[in-house]
Amino acid sequence: MKRTSPKTIGILGGTGMLGSDLVTILKKYFKVVPITKLNYSKCVGKSFDILINANGNSRRYWANQNPVEDFSA
């Protein structure tokens, strides 16, 4: 049986610390679309073979100070 690899990978948070590393590594082997605040609206409705959520919490300090509220949010 022939193995096929994914054609397109979308990475939410593709310019963040983790996301940018994933983009750099994976783009060597796959078509990668980094999804950011700037291009999010253009990516809505598009189809990806794999979608990786590398989006971090931009309110990390607040979340550390308010863990219950952060969990609820």
PDB file of N, CA and C in Angstrom:
ATOM      1  N   MET A   1       0.834  -1.165   0.000  1.00  0.00           N
ATOM      2  CA  MET A   1       0.000   0.000   0.000  1.00  0.00           C
ATOM      3  C   MET A   1       0.888   1.240   0.000  1.00  0.00           C
ATOM      4  N   LYS A   2       0.594   2.163  -0.898  1.00  0.00           N
ATOM      5  CA  LYS A   2       1.383   3.380  -1.009  1.00  0.00           C
ATOM      6  C   LYS A   2       0.947   4.373   0.056  1.00  0.00           C
ATOM      7  N   ARG A   3       1.926   4.947   0.737  1.00  0.00           N
ATOM      8  CA  ARG A   3       1.644   5.937   1.769  1.00  0.00           C
ATOM      9  C   ARG A   3       1.652   7.321   1.162  1.00  0.00           C
ATOM     10  N   THR A   4       0.644   8.100   1.489  1.00  0.00           N
ATOM     11  CA  THR A   4       0.616   9.478   0.998  1.00  0.00           C
ATOM     12  C   THR A   4       0.769  10.425   2.168  1.00  0.00           C
ATOM     13  N   SER A   5       1.439  11.533   1.945  1.00  0.00           N
ATOM     14  CA  SER A   5       1.624  12.512   3.005  1.00  0.00           C
ATOM     15  C   SER A   5       0.622  13.645   2.826  1.00  0.00           C
ATOM     16  N   PRO A   6       0.331  14.366   3.903  1.00  0.00           N
ATOM     17  CA  PRO A   6      -0.605  15.484   3.807  1.00  0.00           C
ATOM     18  C   PRO A   6      -0.100  16.528   2.824  1.00  0.00           C
ATOM     19  N   LYS A   7      -1.031  17.123   2.126  1.00  0.00           N
ATOM     20  CA  LYS A   7      -0.655  18.143   1.150  1.00  0.00           C
ATOM     21  C   LYS A   7      -0.488  19.507   1.794  1.00  0.00           C
ATOM     22  N   THR A   8      -1.371  19.860   2.708  1.00  0.00           N
ATOM     23  CA  THR A   8      -1.345  21.193   3.292  1.00  0.00           C
ATOM     24  C   THR A   8      -1.528  21.124   4.801  1.00  0.00           C
ATOM     25  N   ILE A   9      -0.677  21.872   5.515  1.00  0.00           N
ATOM     26  CA  ILE A   9      -0.772  21.954   6.960  1.00  0.00           C
ATOM     27  C   ILE A   9      -1.008  23.411   7.336  1.00  0.00           C
ATOM     28  N   GLY A  10      -2.064  23.668   8.087  1.00  0.00           N
ATOM     29  CA  GLY A  10      -2.323  25.003   8.620  1.00  0.00           C
ATOM     30  C   GLY A  10      -1.820  25.043  10.052  1.00  0.00           C
ATOM     31  N   ILE A  11      -1.107  26.124  10.406  1.00  0.00           N
ATOM     32  CA  ILE A  11      -0.586  26.251  11.760  1.00  0.00           C
ATOM     33  C   ILE A  11      -1.113  27.538  12.372  1.00  0.00           C
ATOM     34  N   LEU A  12      -2.066  27.388  13.309  1.00  0.00           N
ATOM     35  CA  LEU A  12      -2.554  28.544  14.059  1.00  0.00           C
ATOM     36  C   LEU A  12      -1.436  29.029  14.966  1.00  0.00           C
ATOM     37  N   GLY A  13      -1.183  30.329  14.951  1.00  0.00           N
ATOM     38  CA  GLY A  13      -0.074  30.860  15.736  1.00  0.00           C
ATOM     39  C   GLY A  13       1.250  30.620  15.046  1.00  0.00           C
ATOM     40  N   GLY A  14       1.245  30.658  13.733  1.00  0.00           N
ATOM     41  CA  GLY A  14       2.417  30.317  12.928  1.00  0.00           C
ATOM     42  C   GLY A  14       3.582  31.276  13.010  1.00  0.00           C
ATOM     43  N   THR A  15       3.432  32.408  13.702  1.00  0.00           N
ATOM     44  CA  THR A  15       4.567  33.321  13.866  1.00  0.00           C
ATOM     45  C   THR A  15       5.023  33.407  15.323  1.00  0.00           C
ATOM     46  N   GLY A  16       4.399  32.631  16.200  1.00  0.00           N
ATOM     47  CA  GLY A  16       4.797  32.617  17.609  1.00  0.00           C
ATOM     48  C   GLY A  16       6.030  31.764  17.821  1.00  0.00           C
ATOM     49  N   MET A  17       6.396  31.599  19.079  1.00  0.00           N
ATOM     50  CA  MET A  17       7.623  30.872  19.411  1.00  0.00           C
ATOM     51  C   MET A  17       7.579  29.426  18.903  1.00  0.00           C
ATOM     52  N   LEU A  18       6.572  28.679  19.275  1.00  0.00           N
ATOM     53  CA  LEU A  18       6.454  27.285  18.840  1.00  0.00           C
ATOM     54  C   LEU A  18       6.030  27.200  17.376  1.00  0.00           C
ATOM     55  N   GLY A  19       5.037  28.002  17.000  1.00  0.00           N
ATOM     56  CA  GLY A  19       4.505  27.937  15.644  1.00  0.00           C
ATOM     57  C   GLY A  19       5.538  28.240  14.573  1.00  0.00           C
ATOM     58  N   SER A  20       6.404  29.232  14.817  1.00  0.00           N
ATOM     59  CA  SER A  20       7.412  29.576  13.808  1.00  0.00           C
ATOM     60  C   SER A  20       8.422  28.448  13.629  1.00  0.00           C
ATOM     61  N   ASP A  21       8.757  27.749  14.718  1.00  0.00           N
ATOM     62  CA  ASP A  21       9.651  26.592  14.592  1.00  0.00           C
ATOM     63  C   ASP A  21       8.982  25.479  13.791  1.00  0.00           C
ATOM     64  N   LEU A  22       7.700  25.238  14.057  1.00  0.00           N
ATOM     65  CA  LEU A  22       6.974  24.218  13.295  1.00  0.00           C
ATOM     66  C   LEU A  22       6.935  24.569  11.810  1.00  0.00           C
ATOM     67  N   VAL A  23       6.675  25.831  11.497  1.00  0.00           N
ATOM     68  CA  VAL A  23       6.648  26.266  10.095  1.00  0.00           C
ATOM     69  C   VAL A  23       7.998  26.009   9.440  1.00  0.00           C
ATOM     70  N   THR A  24       9.075  26.406  10.105  1.00  0.00           N
ATOM     71  CA  THR A  24      10.421  26.238   9.546  1.00  0.00           C
ATOM     72  C   THR A  24      10.739  24.781   9.250  1.00  0.00           C
ATOM     73  N   ILE A  25      10.405  23.910  10.174  1.00  0.00           N
ATOM     74  CA  ILE A  25      10.721  22.484  10.000  1.00  0.00           C
ATOM     75  C   ILE A  25       9.797  21.823   8.977  1.00  0.00           C
ATOM     76  N   LEU A  26       8.497  22.051   9.118  1.00  0.00           N
ATOM     77  CA  LEU A  26       7.533  21.336   8.276  1.00  0.00           C
ATOM     78  C   LEU A  26       7.510  21.813   6.830  1.00  0.00           C
ATOM     79  N   LYS A  27       7.877  23.087   6.583  1.00  0.00           N
ATOM     80  CA  LYS A  27       7.820  23.574   5.204  1.00  0.00           C
ATOM     81  C   LYS A  27       8.860  22.902   4.305  1.00  0.00           C
ATOM     82  N   LYS A  28       9.806  22.202   4.908  1.00  0.00           N
ATOM     83  CA  LYS A  28      10.775  21.434   4.124  1.00  0.00           C
ATOM     84  C   LYS A  28      10.122  20.227   3.460  1.00  0.00           C
ATOM     85  N   TYR A  29       9.014  19.758   4.037  1.00  0.00           N
ATOM     86  CA  TYR A  29       8.382  18.528   3.582  1.00  0.00           C
ATOM     87  C   TYR A  29       6.947  18.700   3.084  1.00  0.00           C
ATOM     88  N   PHE A  30       6.285  19.779   3.512  1.00  0.00           N
ATOM     89  CA  PHE A  30       4.869  19.964   3.200  1.00  0.00           C
ATOM     90  C   PHE A  30       4.591  21.405   2.807  1.00  0.00           C
ATOM     91  N   LYS A  31       3.418  21.621   2.251  1.00  0.00           N
ATOM     92  CA  LYS A  31       2.951  22.991   2.034  1.00  0.00           C
ATOM     93  C   LYS A  31       2.365  23.454   3.368  1.00  0.00           C
ATOM     94  N   VAL A  32       2.935  24.523   3.923  1.00  0.00           N
ATOM     95  CA  VAL A  32       2.538  25.007   5.243  1.00  0.00           C
ATOM     96  C   VAL A  32       1.963  26.407   5.133  1.00  0.00           C
ATOM     97  N   VAL A  33       0.831  26.624   5.801  1.00  0.00           N
ATOM     98  CA  VAL A  33       0.207  27.938   5.852  1.00  0.00           C
ATOM     99  C   VAL A  33       0.207  28.402   7.306  1.00  0.00           C
ATOM    100  N   PRO A  34       1.082  29.392   7.639  1.00  0.00           N
ATOM    101  CA  PRO A  34       1.025  29.932   8.986  1.00  0.00           C
ATOM    102  C   PRO A  34      -0.204  30.838   9.111  1.00  0.00           C
ATOM    103  N   ILE A  35      -1.022  30.614  10.119  1.00  0.00           N
ATOM    104  CA  ILE A  35      -2.247  31.394  10.302  1.00  0.00           C
ATOM    105  C   ILE A  35      -2.036  32.326  11.487  1.00  0.00           C
ATOM    106  N   THR A  36      -2.175  33.624  11.219  1.00  0.00           N
ATOM    107  CA  THR A  36      -1.933  34.650  12.236  1.00  0.00           C
ATOM    108  C   THR A  36      -3.143  35.573  12.326  1.00  0.00           C
ATOM    109  N   LYS A  37      -3.062  36.545  13.227  1.00  0.00           N
ATOM    110  CA  LYS A  37      -4.133  37.540  13.325  1.00  0.00           C
ATOM    111  C   LYS A  37      -4.299  38.293  12.008  1.00  0.00           C
ATOM    112  N   LEU A  38      -3.197  38.503  11.300  1.00  0.00           N
ATOM    113  CA  LEU A  38      -3.234  39.297  10.074  1.00  0.00           C
ATOM    114  C   LEU A  38      -3.892  38.582   8.901  1.00  0.00           C
ATOM    115  N   ASN A  39      -3.754  37.263   8.805  1.00  0.00           N
ATOM    116  CA  ASN A  39      -4.329  36.552   7.661  1.00  0.00           C
ATOM    117  C   ASN A  39      -5.448  35.594   8.044  1.00  0.00           C
ATOM    118  N   TYR A  40      -5.882  35.641   9.299  1.00  0.00           N
ATOM    119  CA  TYR A  40      -6.908  34.708   9.780  1.00  0.00           C
ATOM    120  C   TYR A  40      -8.168  34.753   8.929  1.00  0.00           C
ATOM    121  N   SER A  41      -8.656  35.956   8.627  1.00  0.00           N
ATOM    122  CA  SER A  41      -9.910  36.064   7.870  1.00  0.00           C
ATOM    123  C   SER A  41      -9.782  35.469   6.471  1.00  0.00           C
ATOM    124  N   LYS A  42      -8.604  35.494   5.898  1.00  0.00           N
ATOM    125  CA  LYS A  42      -8.393  34.889   4.579  1.00  0.00           C
ATOM    126  C   LYS A  42      -8.349  33.362   4.654  1.00  0.00           C
ATOM    127  N   CYS A  43      -8.028  32.837   5.826  1.00  0.00           N
ATOM    128  CA  CYS A  43      -7.912  31.387   5.993  1.00  0.00           C
ATOM    129  C   CYS A  43      -9.222  30.730   6.422  1.00  0.00           C
ATOM    130  N   VAL A  44     -10.164  31.527   6.902  1.00  0.00           N
ATOM    131  CA  VAL A  44     -11.454  30.973   7.342  1.00  0.00           C
ATOM    132  C   VAL A  44     -12.139  30.321   6.145  1.00  0.00           C
ATOM    133  N   GLY A  45     -12.573  29.097   6.319  1.00  0.00           N
ATOM    134  CA  GLY A  45     -13.259  28.371   5.257  1.00  0.00           C
ATOM    135  C   GLY A  45     -12.333  27.549   4.373  1.00  0.00           C
ATOM    136  N   LYS A  46     -11.018  27.741   4.505  1.00  0.00           N
ATOM    137  CA  LYS A  46     -10.083  26.938   3.721  1.00  0.00           C
ATOM    138  C   LYS A  46      -9.939  25.568   4.355  1.00  0.00           C
ATOM    139  N   SER A  47      -9.535  24.625   3.547  1.00  0.00           N
ATOM    140  CA  SER A  47      -9.397  23.251   4.004  1.00  0.00           C
ATOM    141  C   SER A  47      -7.913  22.895   4.118  1.00  0.00           C
ATOM    142  N   PHE A  48      -7.560  22.231   5.208  1.00  0.00           N
ATOM    143  CA  PHE A  48      -6.198  21.757   5.422  1.00  0.00           C
ATOM    144  C   PHE A  48      -6.258  20.267   5.712  1.00  0.00           C
ATOM    145  N   ASP A  49      -5.224  19.550   5.302  1.00  0.00           N
ATOM    146  CA  ASP A  49      -5.154  18.128   5.632  1.00  0.00           C
ATOM    147  C   ASP A  49      -4.889  17.954   7.123  1.00  0.00           C
ATOM    148  N   ILE A  50      -4.078  18.845   7.672  1.00  0.00           N
ATOM    149  CA  ILE A  50      -3.791  18.844   9.103  1.00  0.00           C
ATOM    150  C   ILE A  50      -3.848  20.286   9.577  1.00  0.00           C
ATOM    151  N   LEU A  51      -4.443  20.496  10.755  1.00  0.00           N
ATOM    152  CA  LEU A  51      -4.465  21.813  11.383  1.00  0.00           C
ATOM    153  C   LEU A  51      -3.833  21.682  12.764  1.00  0.00           C
ATOM    154  N   ILE A  52      -2.768  22.453  12.996  1.00  0.00           N
ATOM    155  CA  ILE A  52      -2.059  22.426  14.272  1.00  0.00           C
ATOM    156  C   ILE A  52      -2.357  23.727  15.003  1.00  0.00           C
ATOM    157  N   ASN A  53      -2.786  23.624  16.253  1.00  0.00           N
ATOM    158  CA  ASN A  53      -3.040  24.814  17.049  1.00  0.00           C
ATOM    159  C   ASN A  53      -1.829  25.061  17.942  1.00  0.00           C
ATOM    160  N   ALA A  54      -0.955  25.991  17.507  1.00  0.00           N
ATOM    161  CA  ALA A  54       0.223  26.372  18.286  1.00  0.00           C
ATOM    162  C   ALA A  54       0.012  27.766  18.862  1.00  0.00           C
ATOM    163  N   ASN A  55      -1.240  28.161  18.923  1.00  0.00           N
ATOM    164  CA  ASN A  55      -1.589  29.492  19.403  1.00  0.00           C
ATOM    165  C   ASN A  55      -1.490  29.523  20.923  1.00  0.00           C
ATOM    166  N   GLY A  56      -0.683  30.421  21.431  1.00  0.00           N
ATOM    167  CA  GLY A  56      -0.522  30.542  22.873  1.00  0.00           C
ATOM    168  C   GLY A  56      -1.482  31.568  23.455  1.00  0.00           C
ATOM    169  N   ASN A  57      -1.516  31.616  24.742  1.00  0.00           N
ATOM    170  CA  ASN A  57      -2.361  32.568  25.440  1.00  0.00           C
ATOM    171  C   ASN A  57      -1.652  33.916  25.488  1.00  0.00           C
ATOM    172  N   SER A  58      -2.185  34.905  24.819  1.00  0.00           N
ATOM    173  CA  SER A  58      -1.552  36.224  24.798  1.00  0.00           C
ATOM    174  C   SER A  58      -1.721  36.946  26.127  1.00  0.00           C
ATOM    175  N   ARG A  59      -2.559  36.417  26.986  1.00  0.00           N
ATOM    176  CA  ARG A  59      -2.778  37.015  28.304  1.00  0.00           C
ATOM    177  C   ARG A  59      -2.219  36.099  29.392  1.00  0.00           C
ATOM    178  N   ARG A  60      -1.043  35.570  29.167  1.00  0.00           N
ATOM    179  CA  ARG A  60      -0.462  34.576  30.061  1.00  0.00           C
ATOM    180  C   ARG A  60      -0.304  35.115  31.488  1.00  0.00           C
ATOM    181  N   TYR A  61       0.163  36.346  31.635  1.00  0.00           N
ATOM    182  CA  TYR A  61       0.331  36.899  32.985  1.00  0.00           C
ATOM    183  C   TYR A  61      -1.013  36.926  33.710  1.00  0.00           C
ATOM    184  N   TRP A  62      -2.039  37.428  33.039  1.00  0.00           N
ATOM    185  CA  TRP A  62      -3.373  37.477  33.638  1.00  0.00           C
ATOM    186  C   TRP A  62      -3.835  36.066  33.973  1.00  0.00           C
ATOM    187  N   ALA A  63      -3.612  35.135  33.077  1.00  0.00           N
ATOM    188  CA  ALA A  63      -4.047  33.754  33.286  1.00  0.00           C
ATOM    189  C   ALA A  63      -3.368  33.136  34.496  1.00  0.00           C
ATOM    190  N   ASN A  64      -2.086  33.438  34.688  1.00  0.00           N
ATOM    191  CA  ASN A  64      -1.377  32.913  35.856  1.00  0.00           C
ATOM    192  C   ASN A  64      -1.915  33.506  37.150  1.00  0.00           C
ATOM    193  N   GLN A  65      -2.350  34.743  37.102  1.00  0.00           N
ATOM    194  CA  GLN A  65      -2.891  35.408  38.287  1.00  0.00           C
ATOM    195  C   GLN A  65      -4.340  35.021  38.558  1.00  0.00           C
ATOM    196  N   ASN A  66      -5.060  34.565  37.528  1.00  0.00           N
ATOM    197  CA  ASN A  66      -6.490  34.254  37.620  1.00  0.00           C
ATOM    198  C   ASN A  66      -6.793  32.903  36.973  1.00  0.00           C
ATOM    199  N   PRO A  67      -6.266  31.813  37.502  1.00  0.00           N
ATOM    200  CA  PRO A  67      -6.409  30.512  36.819  1.00  0.00           C
ATOM    201  C   PRO A  67      -7.850  30.033  36.663  1.00  0.00           C
ATOM    202  N   VAL A  68      -8.706  30.292  37.642  1.00  0.00           N
ATOM    203  CA  VAL A  68     -10.092  29.825  37.541  1.00  0.00           C
ATOM    204  C   VAL A  68     -10.816  30.579  36.426  1.00  0.00           C
ATOM    205  N   GLU A  69     -10.654  31.898  36.396  1.00  0.00           N
ATOM    206  CA  GLU A  69     -11.300  32.701  35.363  1.00  0.00           C
ATOM    207  C   GLU A  69     -10.752  32.353  33.977  1.00  0.00           C
ATOM    208  N   ASP A  70      -9.447  32.093  33.893  1.00  0.00           N
ATOM    209  CA  ASP A  70      -8.844  31.726  32.622  1.00  0.00           C
ATOM    210  C   ASP A  70      -9.394  30.399  32.130  1.00  0.00           C
ATOM    211  N   PHE A  71      -9.542  29.431  33.034  1.00  0.00           N
ATOM    212  CA  PHE A  71     -10.088  28.135  32.649  1.00  0.00           C
ATOM    213  C   PHE A  71     -11.521  28.281  32.151  1.00  0.00           C
ATOM    214  N   SER A  72     -12.289  29.107  32.849  1.00  0.00           N
ATOM    215  CA  SER A  72     -13.685  29.328  32.445  1.00  0.00           C
ATOM    216  C   SER A  72     -13.781  30.026  31.097  1.00  0.00           C
ATOM    217  N   ALA A  73     -12.843  30.944  30.844  1.00  0.00           N
ATOM    218  CA  ALA A  73     -12.856  31.684  29.584  1.00  0.00           C
ATOM    219  C   ALA A  73     -12.487  30.763  28.437  1.00  0.00           C
TER     220      ALA A  73
END
